[in-house]
Amino acid sequence: MPVSYSPIGHVRLEGDDHIIEIDAPYRPGLTGLSDFKWIMLVWHADQLPELPADKYVGPAPYKNAPEQLGVFATRSPLRPNPVCVTVAALTDVDVETGVLHLGWIDCEPNSPILDIKPYQPAADRVEKPDMPSWCANWPQSIETSGDFDWASIFNC
């Protein structure tokens, strides 16, 4: 059975400013969101091709990882269903205009936003995640990941 979703808004970049514009019918749903510092954005990587089934396993993109990794063991936006989730810092919300200002988001301009959820540690944070040894030295939070040398862990 096919599944379809209707975007509630789109991403816009203005220089270094990452903005989400929410369509008018959904703007009332932003009420109270400004009380949160972090949000989870569900978006569609519509500018990427769907990953063909023969590519579900491939060479690991990370150094020190097993030689082969399945798509579900990576954070690649190339997926069987290109639906992505990003946790982002929320810096401002204008309910009336439907504009959200973010610290950063890892998608292309005009990417459709499918949903927004407030980040809530009780539901969204794992205090002691058990990570594979090959990525156990990666940052433990978004706040520290900005200073991490990510280029050093990718096979390029």
Protein backbone atom coordinates (compact mmCIF):
# COMPACT_ATOMS: atom_id res chain seq x y z
CA MET A 1 0.00 0.00 0.00
CA PRO A 2 1.58 3.32 -1.06
CA VAL A 3 2.12 6.00 1.57
CA SER A 4 2.13 9.71 0.87
CA TYR A 5 2.84 12.77 2.96
CA SER A 6 2.13 16.45 2.47
CA PRO A 7 4.89 18.86 3.46
CA ILE A 8 4.04 21.41 6.14
CA GLY A 9 6.78 23.80 5.03
CA HIS A 10 10.21 24.14 3.45
CA VAL A 11 13.80 24.96 4.31
CA ARG A 12 15.28 28.29 3.29
CA LEU A 13 18.89 29.43 3.62
CA GLU A 14 19.84 33.09 3.77
CA GLY A 15 23.61 33.22 4.02
CA ASP A 16 24.39 31.37 7.24
CA ASP A 17 20.79 31.68 8.51
CA HIS A 18 18.87 28.39 8.43
CA ILE A 19 15.14 29.04 8.25
CA ILE A 20 12.04 26.86 8.13
CA GLU A 21 8.95 28.42 6.57
CA ILE A 22 5.74 26.72 7.70
CA ASP A 23 2.71 26.90 5.40
CA ALA A 24 -0.23 29.00 6.64
CA PRO A 25 -2.64 26.18 7.58
CA TYR A 26 -0.04 24.64 9.94
CA ARG A 27 1.15 27.82 11.67
CA PRO A 28 -1.23 27.58 14.65
CA GLY A 29 0.53 24.30 15.47
CA LEU A 30 3.67 26.32 16.29
CA THR A 31 1.99 27.76 19.40
CA GLY A 32 4.20 27.01 22.43
CA LEU A 33 7.12 25.71 20.36
CA SER A 34 9.25 28.76 21.25
CA ASP A 35 9.49 27.42 24.83
CA PHE A 36 11.79 24.67 23.53
CA LYS A 37 15.47 25.17 22.70
CA TRP A 38 15.77 22.01 20.56
CA ILE A 39 13.43 20.46 18.01
CA MET A 40 13.40 17.37 15.82
CA LEU A 41 12.66 18.02 12.17
CA VAL A 42 11.40 15.25 9.91
CA TRP A 43 12.17 16.13 6.31
CA HIS A 44 12.26 14.60 2.86
CA ALA A 45 15.58 14.40 0.98
CA ASP A 46 13.70 15.05 -2.24
CA GLN A 47 16.77 16.17 -4.18
CA LEU A 48 18.46 12.77 -3.82
CA PRO A 49 17.63 9.60 -5.73
CA GLU A 50 16.04 6.64 -3.95
CA LEU A 51 18.60 4.02 -3.03
CA PRO A 52 18.25 0.91 -5.24
CA ALA A 53 17.93 -2.42 -3.41
CA ASP A 54 21.31 -3.64 -4.69
CA LYS A 55 22.96 -0.76 -2.79
CA TYR A 56 21.57 -1.54 0.69
CA VAL A 57 25.03 -2.86 1.66
CA GLY A 58 28.23 -1.20 0.56
CA PRO A 59 31.71 -0.06 1.54
CA ALA A 60 31.67 1.61 4.94
CA PRO A 61 31.88 5.41 4.69
CA TYR A 62 33.71 5.53 8.06
CA LYS A 63 37.31 4.72 8.90
CA ASN A 64 37.75 1.90 11.44
CA ALA A 65 34.24 0.58 10.68
CA PRO A 66 33.62 -2.91 9.31
CA GLU A 67 34.45 -3.11 5.60
CA GLN A 68 30.76 -3.35 4.65
CA LEU A 69 27.82 -1.60 6.30
CA GLY A 70 24.13 -1.71 5.58
CA VAL A 71 22.31 1.54 4.88
CA PHE A 72 20.49 1.26 8.21
CA ALA A 73 23.85 1.29 10.05
CA THR A 74 24.76 4.68 8.54
CA ARG A 75 23.37 8.20 8.65
CA SER A 76 23.53 8.59 4.88
CA PRO A 77 20.63 10.52 3.34
CA LEU A 78 20.61 7.92 0.53
CA ARG A 79 17.89 5.56 1.77
CA PRO A 80 15.14 3.31 0.44
CA ASN A 81 12.75 6.05 1.62
CA PRO A 82 14.62 9.37 1.78
CA VAL A 83 13.02 10.50 5.05
CA CYS A 84 15.49 12.20 7.38
CA VAL A 85 15.44 13.38 10.99
CA THR A 86 17.56 16.24 12.29
CA VAL A 87 17.80 17.61 15.81
CA ALA A 88 18.26 21.37 15.54
CA ALA A 89 18.68 24.32 17.88
CA LEU A 90 15.62 26.57 17.71
CA THR A 91 16.69 30.21 17.98
CA ASP A 92 13.41 31.98 17.16
CA VAL A 93 9.77 31.23 16.27
CA ASP A 94 7.28 33.61 14.66
CA VAL A 95 3.92 31.85 14.80
CA GLU A 96 2.17 34.53 12.74
CA THR A 97 4.54 34.31 9.75
CA GLY A 98 5.42 30.64 10.28
CA VAL A 99 9.15 31.34 10.34
CA LEU A 100 11.51 29.27 12.50
CA HIS A 101 15.17 30.24 12.82
CA LEU A 102 17.58 27.39 13.48
CA GLY A 103 21.19 27.11 14.51
CA TRP A 104 21.78 24.70 11.61
CA ILE A 105 20.12 21.97 9.55
CA ASP A 106 21.75 19.37 7.32
CA CYS A 107 19.56 19.62 4.24
CA GLU A 108 19.33 21.49 0.99
CA PRO A 109 17.33 24.67 0.41
CA ASN A 110 13.68 23.96 -0.43
CA SER A 111 13.74 20.52 1.24
CA PRO A 112 10.20 19.73 2.35
CA ILE A 113 9.53 19.62 6.09
CA LEU A 114 7.14 16.80 6.98
CA ASP A 115 6.87 17.25 10.75
CA ILE A 116 8.29 19.04 13.80
CA LYS A 117 8.54 17.58 17.27
CA PRO A 118 9.91 19.21 20.41
CA TYR A 119 13.05 17.50 21.66
CA GLN A 120 12.27 15.94 25.03
CA PRO A 121 15.11 14.13 26.83
CA ALA A 122 12.72 11.73 28.59
CA ALA A 123 11.70 10.31 25.20
CA ASP A 124 14.57 11.23 22.88
CA ARG A 125 17.80 10.80 24.86
CA VAL A 126 19.54 7.58 25.74
CA GLU A 127 21.73 8.15 28.78
CA LYS A 128 24.15 5.28 28.14
CA PRO A 129 24.04 4.23 24.49
CA ASP A 130 26.05 1.15 23.61
CA MET A 131 28.01 2.18 20.52
CA PRO A 132 30.17 -0.03 18.28
CA SER A 133 33.86 0.34 19.09
CA TRP A 134 34.61 1.92 15.70
CA CYS A 135 32.49 4.99 16.54
CA ALA A 136 32.65 5.05 20.35
CA ASN A 137 35.06 8.01 20.26
CA TRP A 138 32.64 10.21 18.31
CA PRO A 139 31.09 13.19 20.16
CA GLN A 140 28.40 12.40 22.70
CA SER A 141 26.26 15.47 21.92
CA ILE A 142 25.37 17.96 19.22
CA GLU A 143 27.00 20.69 21.29
CA THR A 144 30.42 19.01 21.13
CA SER A 145 30.14 17.68 17.56
CA GLY A 146 30.81 21.09 16.01
CA ASP A 147 34.41 21.02 17.24
CA PHE A 148 34.99 17.39 16.20
CA ASP A 149 37.21 16.62 13.19
CA TRP A 150 34.53 14.77 11.20
CA ALA A 151 36.74 14.68 8.09
CA SER A 152 39.11 12.38 9.97
CA ILE A 153 36.51 9.62 10.29
CA PHE A 154 35.21 9.44 6.71
CA ASN A 155 36.68 7.38 3.90
CA CYS A 156 37.00 9.94 1.13
